[in-house]
């Protein structure tokens, strides 16, 4: 998704269907995205999709690097 976006990728919600956080998945996404030069922010959402699902990840692709290599 980072390769084809012009602005940002938003991942929401950060919980499984059961409402449990999926920290292992979040950590993996953050690790790969930052290794490829993306800026990663984790913050509150104005919308709670399901109980406990009120956070999102915002991934912004690098601007000074050729994104074709991502």
C-alpha atoms as a PDB file:
ATOM      1  CA  UNK A   1       0.000   0.000   0.000  1.00  0.00           C
ATOM      2  CA  UNK A   2       2.879   2.379   0.715  1.00  0.00           C
ATOM      3  CA  UNK A   3       4.136   1.882  -2.801  1.00  0.00           C
ATOM      4  CA  UNK A   4       0.934   3.121  -4.436  1.00  0.00           C
ATOM      5  CA  UNK A   5      -0.283   5.850  -2.096  1.00  0.00           C
ATOM      6  CA  UNK A   6       0.482   9.511  -2.595  1.00  0.00           C
ATOM      7  CA  UNK A   7      -0.388  10.607   0.918  1.00  0.00           C
ATOM      8  CA  UNK A   8      -0.818   8.012   3.638  1.00  0.00           C
ATOM      9  CA  UNK A   9      -2.123   4.603   4.575  1.00  0.00           C
ATOM     10  CA  UNK A  10      -4.440   4.307   7.561  1.00  0.00           C
ATOM     11  CA  UNK A  11      -4.834   0.984   9.334  1.00  0.00           C
ATOM     12  CA  UNK A  12      -7.896   0.733  11.554  1.00  0.00           C
ATOM     13  CA  UNK A  13      -8.954  -0.846  13.896  1.00  0.00           C
ATOM     14  CA  UNK A  14      -5.903  -2.243  15.698  1.00  0.00           C
ATOM     15  CA  UNK A  15      -7.833  -5.014  17.421  1.00  0.00           C
ATOM     16  CA  UNK A  16      -8.999  -8.494  16.422  1.00  0.00           C
ATOM     17  CA  UNK A  17     -12.673  -9.420  16.082  1.00  0.00           C
ATOM     18  CA  UNK A  18     -12.588 -10.462  19.737  1.00  0.00           C
ATOM     19  CA  UNK A  19     -11.546  -6.949  20.769  1.00  0.00           C
ATOM     20  CA  UNK A  20      -8.065  -8.065  21.799  1.00  0.00           C
ATOM     21  CA  UNK A  21      -5.148  -5.882  20.633  1.00  0.00           C
ATOM     22  CA  UNK A  22      -3.042  -7.370  17.828  1.00  0.00           C
ATOM     23  CA  UNK A  23       0.281  -6.005  19.078  1.00  0.00           C
ATOM     24  CA  UNK A  24       2.357  -8.655  17.275  1.00  0.00           C
ATOM     25  CA  UNK A  25       0.856  -7.589  13.939  1.00  0.00           C
ATOM     26  CA  UNK A  26       1.222  -3.886  14.715  1.00  0.00           C
ATOM     27  CA  UNK A  27       4.873  -4.356  15.679  1.00  0.00           C
ATOM     28  CA  UNK A  28       5.569  -6.241  12.442  1.00  0.00           C
ATOM     29  CA  UNK A  29       3.934  -3.535  10.305  1.00  0.00           C
ATOM     30  CA  UNK A  30       5.828  -0.771  12.119  1.00  0.00           C
ATOM     31  CA  UNK A  31       9.133  -2.631  11.769  1.00  0.00           C
ATOM     32  CA  UNK A  32       8.751  -3.198   8.017  1.00  0.00           C
ATOM     33  CA  UNK A  33       7.404   0.297   7.311  1.00  0.00           C
ATOM     34  CA  UNK A  34      10.155   2.103   9.208  1.00  0.00           C
ATOM     35  CA  UNK A  35      12.825  -0.107   7.639  1.00  0.00           C
ATOM     36  CA  UNK A  36      11.552   1.111   4.262  1.00  0.00           C
ATOM     37  CA  UNK A  37      11.707   4.751   5.275  1.00  0.00           C
ATOM     38  CA  UNK A  38       8.066   5.386   6.109  1.00  0.00           C
ATOM     39  CA  UNK A  39       6.931   7.599   8.943  1.00  0.00           C
ATOM     40  CA  UNK A  40       4.639   5.735  11.353  1.00  0.00           C
ATOM     41  CA  UNK A  41       2.229   7.342  13.803  1.00  0.00           C
ATOM     42  CA  UNK A  42      -0.110   5.609  16.208  1.00  0.00           C
ATOM     43  CA  UNK A  43      -2.926   7.640  17.624  1.00  0.00           C
ATOM     44  CA  UNK A  44      -6.533   7.851  18.681  1.00  0.00           C
ATOM     45  CA  UNK A  45      -9.374   7.677  16.215  1.00  0.00           C
ATOM     46  CA  UNK A  46     -12.484   9.800  16.423  1.00  0.00           C
ATOM     47  CA  UNK A  47     -14.510   6.665  15.704  1.00  0.00           C
ATOM     48  CA  UNK A  48     -14.705   3.450  17.753  1.00  0.00           C
ATOM     49  CA  UNK A  49     -15.456   0.682  15.251  1.00  0.00           C
ATOM     50  CA  UNK A  50     -15.785  -1.920  17.983  1.00  0.00           C
ATOM     51  CA  UNK A  51     -15.091  -2.059  21.700  1.00  0.00           C
ATOM     52  CA  UNK A  52     -11.437  -1.141  22.223  1.00  0.00           C
ATOM     53  CA  UNK A  53     -10.991  -0.312  18.536  1.00  0.00           C
ATOM     54  CA  UNK A  54     -10.330   3.390  18.853  1.00  0.00           C
ATOM     55  CA  UNK A  55      -6.699   3.607  17.654  1.00  0.00           C
ATOM     56  CA  UNK A  56      -5.187   3.682  14.197  1.00  0.00           C
ATOM     57  CA  UNK A  57      -1.810   3.560  12.486  1.00  0.00           C
ATOM     58  CA  UNK A  58      -0.930   6.216   9.927  1.00  0.00           C
ATOM     59  CA  UNK A  59       1.872   5.280   7.543  1.00  0.00           C
ATOM     60  CA  UNK A  60       3.363   8.025   5.394  1.00  0.00           C
ATOM     61  CA  UNK A  61       5.673   6.949   2.567  1.00  0.00           C
ATOM     62  CA  UNK A  62       9.126   8.464   2.247  1.00  0.00           C
ATOM     63  CA  UNK A  63       9.223  11.515   0.004  1.00  0.00           C
ATOM     64  CA  UNK A  64      12.915  11.824  -0.725  1.00  0.00           C
ATOM     65  CA  UNK A  65      13.465   8.190  -1.651  1.00  0.00           C
ATOM     66  CA  UNK A  66      12.479   6.366  -4.821  1.00  0.00           C
ATOM     67  CA  UNK A  67       9.348   4.488  -3.706  1.00  0.00           C
ATOM     68  CA  UNK A  68       9.686   1.981  -6.560  1.00  0.00           C
ATOM     69  CA  UNK A  69      12.104   0.042  -4.341  1.00  0.00           C
ATOM     70  CA  UNK A  70       9.547  -0.433  -1.589  1.00  0.00           C
END
